[in-house]
Amino acid sequence: MITLLARFFVHEEDSPAEVRERYGMLCGLVGIFLNIILFAGKLFAGRMCHSIAITADAFNNLSDAGSSAVTLVGFRLAGQKPDTEHPFGHGRIEYVSGLIVSAAILIMAVELIRDSVGKIINPQATDFSLVSAGILLASIAVKLYMSYYNRKVGDQLDSAAMRATATDSLSDMAATTVVLIAMLIGHYTGLYIDGWCGVLVGGFIFFAGISAARDTLNPLLGQPPEEDFVRKISELVTGHEGIMGIHDLVVHDYGPGRQMISLHAEVPADADILEIHDLIDRIELELKEKLFCETVIHMDPIVTKDEATGKTRDKVKEIVKGIGEELSIHDFRMVPGPSHTNLIFDVVIPFGFKMEDEDVTKEIQRRIMHEIGENYFAVIQVDKMYVK
């Protein structure tokens, strides 16, 4: 159904941002429609069977309709163009809408557990009917479909909000399955486990909400970019002749499709500065056209034709790797003097490394003096890795 409707909503001439917005709004509208139908059907079945679990599941679908409305509005607002107050656009609203959906999931889980505990304390018999069982089976099928298309679109758009909605639909499917099992057990065995099943369903929904909240909160707090995205950047930049390597890559995420990148590109120190500057400009433009991101590239000149510098740099790399395989260096320069030689470089220390930054720099200095010479002094700048 989503594929069919997308033919009317999404057009070939749409930009990637417009495609994202249209898909988000389409999924939101379909979600509202289907959840309202499920709410009406389950409410009828719950009243008919006197089941607190089915009734609670019905109101869960009503809240899902509200969540779909939040997703729809979120995608609509996220698609707004940048303005003077929000020069980087409004893309993070999509993350906020996903967080609201997650909060709704958690609230509904708590409410369901509370009502189910009451049903455990005061158990009541539930009535069985083929109509109610049919409604629940239909609901399971619909929720499975909703989870499928929300996950598919979420992966296609790399949308945390859509994946949160898919998680919500999957938890609803599991919840309804448990409710149906409880009704069948009560009918055929006389065991009234309606309340216990409600607690089980509530717990499942609660943990699903925690997972969805984590997926939407991480982009808001600031998470490292996807490894595939980093690989594409690296391959594109270093694929140009004259670029020897990159480091200090930082990706600022202002919403899906709204990344700003800064990086340092290593270039030969003896290269023509105007030619290198033109190359950097072309690389920045290529990143914008192919990866849809604004980029600022800083040029780092690297001495390539001085044999002494090259050998010393390789020795320092070996020393640093001996402290930890995760460590690396860049921006290496050697400044000789009458009494001593300064080895100036940056060392990249990952978060959570076994040693403190100060201890790492002291150990590097100690090993340099011991293995290279006492008149060699390390001038070290500590860097952090902001990508995986």
Protein backbone atom coordinates (compact mmCIF):
# COMPACT_ATOMS: atom_id res chain seq x y z
CA MET A 1 0.00 0.00 0.00
CA ILE A 2 2.80 2.41 0.89
CA THR A 3 4.54 1.70 -2.43
CA LEU A 4 1.31 2.35 -4.30
CA LEU A 5 0.54 5.60 -2.47
CA ALA A 6 4.14 6.76 -2.84
CA ARG A 7 3.56 7.01 -6.60
CA PHE A 8 1.15 9.86 -5.91
CA PHE A 9 3.09 11.48 -3.04
CA VAL A 10 6.71 11.21 -4.23
CA HIS A 11 7.85 12.52 -7.60
CA GLU A 12 11.03 11.88 -9.58
CA GLU A 13 11.93 15.57 -9.67
CA ASP A 14 11.80 15.88 -5.85
CA SER A 15 15.03 16.67 -4.03
CA PRO A 16 16.31 14.18 -1.38
CA ALA A 17 14.95 16.47 1.37
CA GLU A 18 11.52 16.61 -0.30
CA VAL A 19 11.46 12.82 -0.78
CA ARG A 20 12.23 12.40 2.92
CA GLU A 21 9.48 14.80 3.96
CA ARG A 22 6.87 13.24 1.66
CA TYR A 23 7.62 9.70 2.77
CA GLY A 24 7.46 10.77 6.42
CA MET A 25 4.10 12.48 5.95
CA LEU A 26 2.72 9.53 3.96
CA CYS A 27 3.69 7.01 6.63
CA GLY A 28 2.24 9.30 9.29
CA LEU A 29 -1.13 9.56 7.52
CA VAL A 30 -1.33 5.80 6.92
CA GLY A 31 -0.39 5.18 10.56
CA ILE A 32 -3.14 7.48 11.84
CA PHE A 33 -5.75 5.82 9.63
CA LEU A 34 -4.82 2.22 10.51
CA ASN A 35 -4.42 2.88 14.25
CA ILE A 36 -7.82 4.55 14.54
CA ILE A 37 -9.45 1.53 12.85
CA LEU A 38 -7.59 -0.83 15.21
CA PHE A 39 -8.61 1.26 18.23
CA ALA A 40 -12.29 1.04 17.30
CA GLY A 41 -12.12 -2.70 16.63
CA LYS A 42 -10.22 -3.57 19.82
CA LEU A 43 -12.38 -1.33 21.99
CA PHE A 44 -15.43 -3.18 20.70
CA ALA A 45 -13.74 -6.54 21.35
CA GLY A 46 -12.57 -5.49 24.82
CA ARG A 47 -16.05 -4.39 25.86
CA MET A 48 -17.56 -7.57 24.45
CA CYS A 49 -15.12 -9.85 26.30
CA HIS A 50 -14.78 -7.74 29.48
CA SER A 51 -10.99 -7.87 28.98
CA ILE A 52 -8.76 -5.20 30.51
CA ALA A 53 -5.84 -6.36 28.34
CA ILE A 54 -7.76 -5.97 25.08
CA THR A 55 -9.16 -2.59 26.16
CA ALA A 56 -5.72 -1.38 27.19
CA ASP A 57 -4.36 -2.60 23.87
CA ALA A 58 -7.07 -0.57 22.13
CA PHE A 59 -6.02 2.64 23.87
CA ASN A 60 -2.43 1.77 23.04
CA ASN A 61 -3.45 1.95 19.37
CA LEU A 62 -5.13 5.29 20.01
CA SER A 63 -1.87 6.62 21.43
CA ASP A 64 -0.12 5.19 18.37
CA ALA A 65 -2.40 7.30 16.19
CA GLY A 66 -1.23 10.31 18.16
CA SER A 67 2.37 9.17 17.72
CA SER A 68 1.82 8.93 13.96
CA ALA A 69 0.45 12.46 14.02
CA VAL A 70 3.59 13.61 15.85
CA THR A 71 5.74 11.87 13.22
CA LEU A 72 3.79 13.53 10.42
CA VAL A 73 4.14 16.99 11.95
CA GLY A 74 7.80 16.30 12.77
CA PHE A 75 8.67 15.49 9.16
CA ARG A 76 6.71 18.50 7.95
CA LEU A 77 8.52 20.89 10.28
CA ALA A 78 11.90 19.24 9.68
CA GLY A 79 11.49 19.95 5.96
CA GLN A 80 11.37 23.71 6.48
CA LYS A 81 14.15 25.71 4.86
CA PRO A 82 16.89 27.37 6.94
CA ASP A 83 16.16 30.84 8.24
CA THR A 84 17.96 33.56 10.18
CA GLU A 85 17.16 31.93 13.54
CA HIS A 86 17.98 28.40 12.37
CA PRO A 87 20.73 28.74 9.72
CA PHE A 88 21.39 24.98 9.77
CA GLY A 89 17.76 24.11 9.07
CA HIS A 90 15.17 22.31 11.18
CA GLY A 91 16.21 18.70 10.58
CA ARG A 92 16.66 17.84 14.25
CA ILE A 93 12.90 18.25 14.77
CA GLU A 94 12.66 14.78 13.26
CA TYR A 95 14.74 13.45 16.17
CA VAL A 96 12.54 15.33 18.64
CA SER A 97 9.40 13.80 17.12
CA GLY A 98 10.97 10.36 17.48
CA LEU A 99 11.72 11.11 21.13
CA ILE A 100 8.08 12.13 21.69
CA VAL A 101 6.94 8.84 20.15
CA SER A 102 9.29 7.01 22.51
CA ALA A 103 7.88 8.91 25.50
CA ALA A 104 4.35 7.96 24.44
CA ILE A 105 5.41 4.30 24.29
CA LEU A 106 6.83 4.48 27.83
CA ILE A 107 3.76 6.22 29.26
CA MET A 108 1.44 3.67 27.71
CA ALA A 109 3.59 0.82 29.10
CA VAL A 110 3.40 2.23 32.64
CA GLU A 111 -0.37 2.73 32.36
CA LEU A 112 -0.86 -0.82 31.06
CA ILE A 113 1.22 -2.33 33.87
CA ARG A 114 -0.71 -0.34 36.48
CA ASP A 115 -4.10 -1.45 35.14
CA SER A 116 -2.90 -5.04 34.80
CA VAL A 117 -1.72 -5.18 38.42
CA GLY A 118 -5.24 -4.15 39.43
CA LYS A 119 -6.62 -7.00 37.33
CA ILE A 120 -4.23 -9.44 39.06
CA ILE A 121 -5.44 -8.29 42.48
CA ASN A 122 -9.08 -8.47 41.42
CA PRO A 123 -9.26 -11.08 38.64
CA GLN A 124 -12.31 -11.19 36.41
CA ALA A 125 -13.41 -13.77 33.90
CA THR A 126 -13.07 -12.85 30.24
CA ASP A 127 -15.57 -13.91 27.61
CA PHE A 128 -14.45 -15.52 24.38
CA SER A 129 -15.95 -14.86 20.96
CA LEU A 130 -14.85 -15.62 17.43
CA VAL A 131 -15.44 -11.98 16.50
CA SER A 132 -13.00 -10.74 19.15
CA ALA A 133 -10.42 -13.37 18.18
CA GLY A 134 -10.78 -12.35 14.53
CA ILE A 135 -10.30 -8.68 15.40
CA LEU A 136 -7.13 -9.47 17.34
CA LEU A 137 -5.75 -11.65 14.52
CA ALA A 138 -6.45 -8.87 12.03
CA SER A 139 -4.70 -6.42 14.36
CA ILE A 140 -1.62 -8.65 14.55
CA ALA A 141 -1.43 -8.77 10.74
CA VAL A 142 -1.89 -5.00 10.39
CA LYS A 143 0.75 -4.21 13.02
CA LEU A 144 3.19 -6.62 11.40
CA TYR A 145 2.67 -4.80 8.11
CA MET A 146 3.07 -1.40 9.78
CA SER A 147 6.30 -2.51 11.40
CA TYR A 148 7.57 -3.76 8.05
CA TYR A 149 6.88 -0.61 6.05
CA ASN A 150 8.03 1.76 8.79
CA ARG A 151 11.29 -0.19 9.15
CA LYS A 152 11.78 -0.31 5.39
CA VAL A 153 11.20 3.42 4.96
CA GLY A 154 13.25 4.15 8.11
CA ASP A 155 16.24 2.25 6.70
CA GLN A 156 15.76 3.83 3.27
CA LEU A 157 15.74 7.35 4.74
CA ASP A 158 18.05 6.56 7.68
CA SER A 159 15.33 7.93 9.97
CA ALA A 160 15.47 7.30 13.72
CA ALA A 161 11.86 8.54 14.03
CA MET A 162 10.58 5.98 11.51
CA ARG A 163 12.56 3.19 13.16
CA ALA A 164 11.07 4.18 16.53
CA THR A 165 7.61 3.92 14.97
CA ALA A 166 8.52 0.51 13.54
CA THR A 167 9.64 -0.64 17.00
CA ASP A 168 6.37 0.61 18.44
CA SER A 169 4.37 -1.36 15.84
CA LEU A 170 6.37 -4.51 16.51
CA SER A 171 5.81 -4.21 20.27
CA ASP A 172 2.08 -3.69 19.61
CA MET A 173 2.00 -6.87 17.53
CA ALA A 174 3.64 -8.82 20.36
CA ALA A 175 1.28 -7.26 22.90
CA THR A 176 -1.81 -8.22 20.91
CA THR A 177 -0.45 -11.74 20.42
CA VAL A 178 -0.07 -12.17 24.18
CA VAL A 179 -3.59 -10.79 24.75
CA LEU A 180 -5.02 -13.27 22.25
CA ILE A 181 -3.17 -16.16 23.91
CA ALA A 182 -4.50 -15.08 27.33
CA MET A 183 -8.04 -15.02 26.01
CA LEU A 184 -7.70 -18.50 24.51
CA ILE A 185 -6.14 -19.91 27.69
CA GLY A 186 -8.93 -18.40 29.78
CA HIS A 187 -11.57 -19.87 27.50
CA TYR A 188 -10.19 -23.40 27.27
CA THR A 189 -8.62 -23.85 30.73
CA GLY A 190 -10.49 -21.45 32.98
CA LEU A 191 -7.22 -19.81 34.08
CA TYR A 192 -7.64 -16.04 34.31
CA ILE A 193 -4.20 -14.77 33.34
CA ASP A 194 -5.46 -11.59 31.68
CA GLY A 195 -3.74 -9.37 34.26
CA TRP A 196 -0.46 -11.28 34.18
CA CYS A 197 -0.37 -11.07 30.40
CA GLY A 198 -1.04 -7.36 30.67
CA VAL A 199 2.02 -6.95 32.91
CA LEU A 200 4.12 -9.01 30.48
CA VAL A 201 2.94 -6.92 27.54
CA GLY A 202 3.56 -3.70 29.48
CA GLY A 203 7.11 -4.77 30.29
CA PHE A 204 7.79 -5.63 26.67
CA ILE A 205 6.44 -2.27 25.50
CA PHE A 206 8.47 -0.45 28.17
CA PHE A 207 11.78 -1.94 27.03
CA ALA A 208 10.86 -1.27 23.40
CA GLY A 209 10.26 2.35 24.36
CA ILE A 210 13.67 2.56 26.07
CA SER A 211 15.33 1.20 22.92
CA ALA A 212 13.47 3.66 20.68
CA ALA A 213 14.32 6.56 23.01
CA ARG A 214 18.00 5.66 22.90
CA ASP A 215 17.98 5.60 19.09
CA THR A 216 16.43 9.08 18.90
CA LEU A 217 18.29 10.63 21.84
CA ASN A 218 21.78 9.68 20.65
CA PRO A 219 21.66 11.91 17.52
CA LEU A 220 20.46 14.83 19.68
CA LEU A 221 23.31 14.37 22.15
CA GLY A 222 25.85 13.89 19.39
CA GLN A 223 26.94 10.47 18.16
CA PRO A 224 29.74 9.47 15.79
CA PRO A 225 28.77 9.23 12.12
CA GLU A 226 28.15 5.88 10.46
CA GLU A 227 31.30 4.03 9.44
CA ASP A 228 30.08 3.77 5.85
CA PHE A 229 29.67 7.56 5.67
CA VAL A 230 33.20 8.06 7.04
CA ARG A 231 34.57 5.54 4.53
CA LYS A 232 32.91 7.36 1.63
CA ILE A 233 34.39 10.68 2.77
CA SER A 234 37.85 9.19 3.13
CA GLU A 235 37.75 7.44 -0.25
CA LEU A 236 36.47 10.52 -2.04
CA VAL A 237 39.08 12.88 -0.55
CA THR A 238 42.12 10.60 -0.74
CA GLY A 239 41.12 9.46 -4.22
CA HIS A 240 42.50 12.72 -5.60
CA GLU A 241 46.15 12.88 -6.57
CA GLY A 242 47.95 15.28 -4.26
CA ILE A 243 46.06 14.25 -1.10
CA MET A 244 48.25 11.99 1.06
CA GLY A 245 45.80 11.34 3.86
CA ILE A 246 43.19 12.89 6.13
CA HIS A 247 42.73 13.30 9.87
CA ASP A 248 40.77 15.35 12.42
CA LEU A 249 37.52 14.46 10.64
CA VAL A 250 34.50 15.89 12.46
CA VAL A 251 30.90 15.48 11.29
CA HIS A 252 28.30 17.85 12.71
CA ASP A 253 24.78 16.44 12.34
CA TYR A 254 21.94 18.97 12.12
CA GLY A 255 19.41 16.40 11.02
CA PRO A 256 19.26 13.71 8.32
CA GLY A 257 20.86 15.00 5.13
CA ARG A 258 22.14 18.11 6.88
CA GLN A 259 25.73 17.27 7.82
CA MET A 260 28.59 19.73 8.03
CA ILE A 261 32.10 18.31 7.80
CA SER A 262 35.52 19.60 8.77
CA LEU A 263 38.74 17.71 8.14
CA HIS A 264 42.47 18.13 7.67
CA ALA A 265 43.94 17.01 4.35
CA GLU A 266 47.65 16.15 4.22
CA VAL A 267 49.36 17.63 1.15
CA PRO A 268 53.03 17.72 0.02
CA ALA A 269 54.83 20.67 1.60
CA ASP A 270 56.59 21.50 -1.68
CA ALA A 271 53.38 21.55 -3.78
CA ASP A 272 52.14 24.72 -5.47
CA ILE A 273 49.81 26.36 -2.95
CA LEU A 274 47.46 27.76 -5.60
CA GLU A 275 47.07 24.35 -7.25
CA ILE A 276 46.42 22.66 -3.90
CA HIS A 277 43.91 25.35 -2.95
CA ASP A 278 42.06 24.78 -6.21
CA LEU A 279 42.10 21.01 -5.57
CA ILE A 280 40.65 21.50 -2.09
CA ASP A 281 37.87 23.70 -3.49
CA ARG A 282 36.97 21.00 -6.02
CA ILE A 283 36.92 18.31 -3.33
CA GLU A 284 34.61 20.40 -1.15
CA LEU A 285 32.24 20.85 -4.10
CA GLU A 286 32.35 17.13 -4.90
CA LEU A 287 31.48 16.22 -1.29
CA LYS A 288 28.49 18.56 -1.48
CA GLU A 289 27.25 17.12 -4.77
CA LYS A 290 27.76 13.42 -3.90
CA LEU A 291 27.24 13.25 -0.12
CA PHE A 292 25.04 16.35 0.32
CA CYS A 293 27.20 17.89 3.03
CA GLU A 294 28.91 21.24 3.52
CA THR A 295 32.65 20.78 4.02
CA VAL A 296 35.57 22.85 5.26
CA ILE A 297 39.01 21.36 4.56
CA HIS A 298 42.20 22.54 6.25
CA MET A 299 45.46 21.88 4.40
CA ASP A 300 48.29 20.27 6.38
CA PRO A 301 51.68 20.39 4.59
CA ILE A 302 53.74 17.21 4.98
CA VAL A 303 57.47 17.05 4.32
CA THR A 304 57.98 14.18 1.88
CA LYS A 305 61.51 14.66 0.48
CA ASP A 306 63.59 14.91 3.64
CA GLU A 307 65.00 11.48 4.46
CA ALA A 308 65.89 12.30 8.09
CA THR A 309 62.39 13.60 8.82
CA GLY A 310 60.81 10.52 7.23
CA LYS A 311 62.91 8.07 9.22
CA THR A 312 62.29 9.92 12.49
CA ARG A 313 58.55 10.09 11.79
CA ASP A 314 58.44 6.34 11.17
CA LYS A 315 60.34 5.70 14.40
CA VAL A 316 57.95 7.90 16.40
CA LYS A 317 54.97 6.05 14.87
CA GLU A 318 56.54 2.77 15.97
CA ILE A 319 57.05 4.11 19.50
CA VAL A 320 53.46 5.32 19.74
CA LYS A 321 52.07 2.02 18.43
CA GLY A 322 54.14 0.26 21.08
CA ILE A 323 52.13 2.08 23.76
CA GLY A 324 48.79 1.22 22.17
CA GLU A 325 47.70 -0.06 18.76
CA GLU A 326 44.76 2.37 18.86
CA LEU A 327 47.09 5.39 18.97
CA SER A 328 48.19 7.32 15.87
CA ILE A 329 50.07 10.50 15.03
CA HIS A 330 49.83 13.21 12.37
CA ASP A 331 51.15 16.70 11.57
CA PHE A 332 54.71 15.57 12.26
CA ARG A 333 57.45 18.21 12.02
CA MET A 334 61.09 18.11 13.04
CA VAL A 335 62.75 21.39 14.10
CA PRO A 336 66.50 20.94 14.71
CA GLY A 337 68.46 23.35 16.91
CA PRO A 338 72.03 23.80 18.20
CA SER A 339 71.37 21.95 21.48
CA HIS A 340 68.29 19.81 20.83
CA THR A 341 65.68 18.86 18.24
CA ASN A 342 61.93 19.36 18.72
CA LEU A 343 59.64 16.68 17.35
CA ILE A 344 56.27 18.39 16.97
CA PHE A 345 53.21 16.25 16.28
CA ASP A 346 49.63 15.43 17.28
CA VAL A 347 48.76 12.11 18.90
CA VAL A 348 45.22 10.74 18.62
CA ILE A 349 44.07 9.07 21.85
CA PRO A 350 40.66 7.35 21.68
CA PHE A 351 38.05 7.86 24.36
CA GLY A 352 38.32 5.28 27.14
CA PHE A 353 41.99 4.50 26.52
CA LYS A 354 43.69 2.58 29.32
CA MET A 355 46.01 5.50 30.18
CA GLU A 356 45.31 9.14 30.94
CA ASP A 357 46.28 11.64 28.24
CA GLU A 358 49.06 13.14 30.36
CA ASP A 359 50.53 9.71 31.09
CA VAL A 360 50.53 8.86 27.37
CA THR A 361 52.45 12.02 26.44
CA LYS A 362 54.97 11.45 29.24
CA GLU A 363 55.53 7.85 28.14
CA ILE A 364 56.01 8.94 24.51
CA GLN A 365 58.61 11.51 25.62
CA ARG A 366 60.42 8.96 27.76
CA ARG A 367 60.61 6.41 24.95
CA ILE A 368 61.72 9.00 22.38
CA MET A 369 64.63 10.09 24.58
CA HIS A 370 65.54 6.47 25.26
CA GLU A 371 65.20 5.09 21.71
CA ILE A 372 66.00 8.10 19.49
CA GLY A 373 68.22 10.30 21.62
CA GLU A 374 68.32 12.37 24.80
CA ASN A 375 68.50 15.60 22.81
CA TYR A 376 65.12 14.91 21.12
CA PHE A 377 62.11 16.52 22.78
CA ALA A 378 58.48 15.78 21.93
CA VAL A 379 56.05 18.70 21.64
CA ILE A 380 52.73 16.87 21.64
CA GLN A 381 49.17 18.02 21.00
CA VAL A 382 46.51 15.50 22.10
CA ASP A 383 43.63 14.93 19.67
CA LYS A 384 40.46 12.88 20.02
CA MET A 385 38.81 10.65 17.45
CA TYR A 386 35.27 11.87 16.67
CA VAL A 387 34.49 9.07 14.21
CA LYS A 388 34.46 5.30 14.62
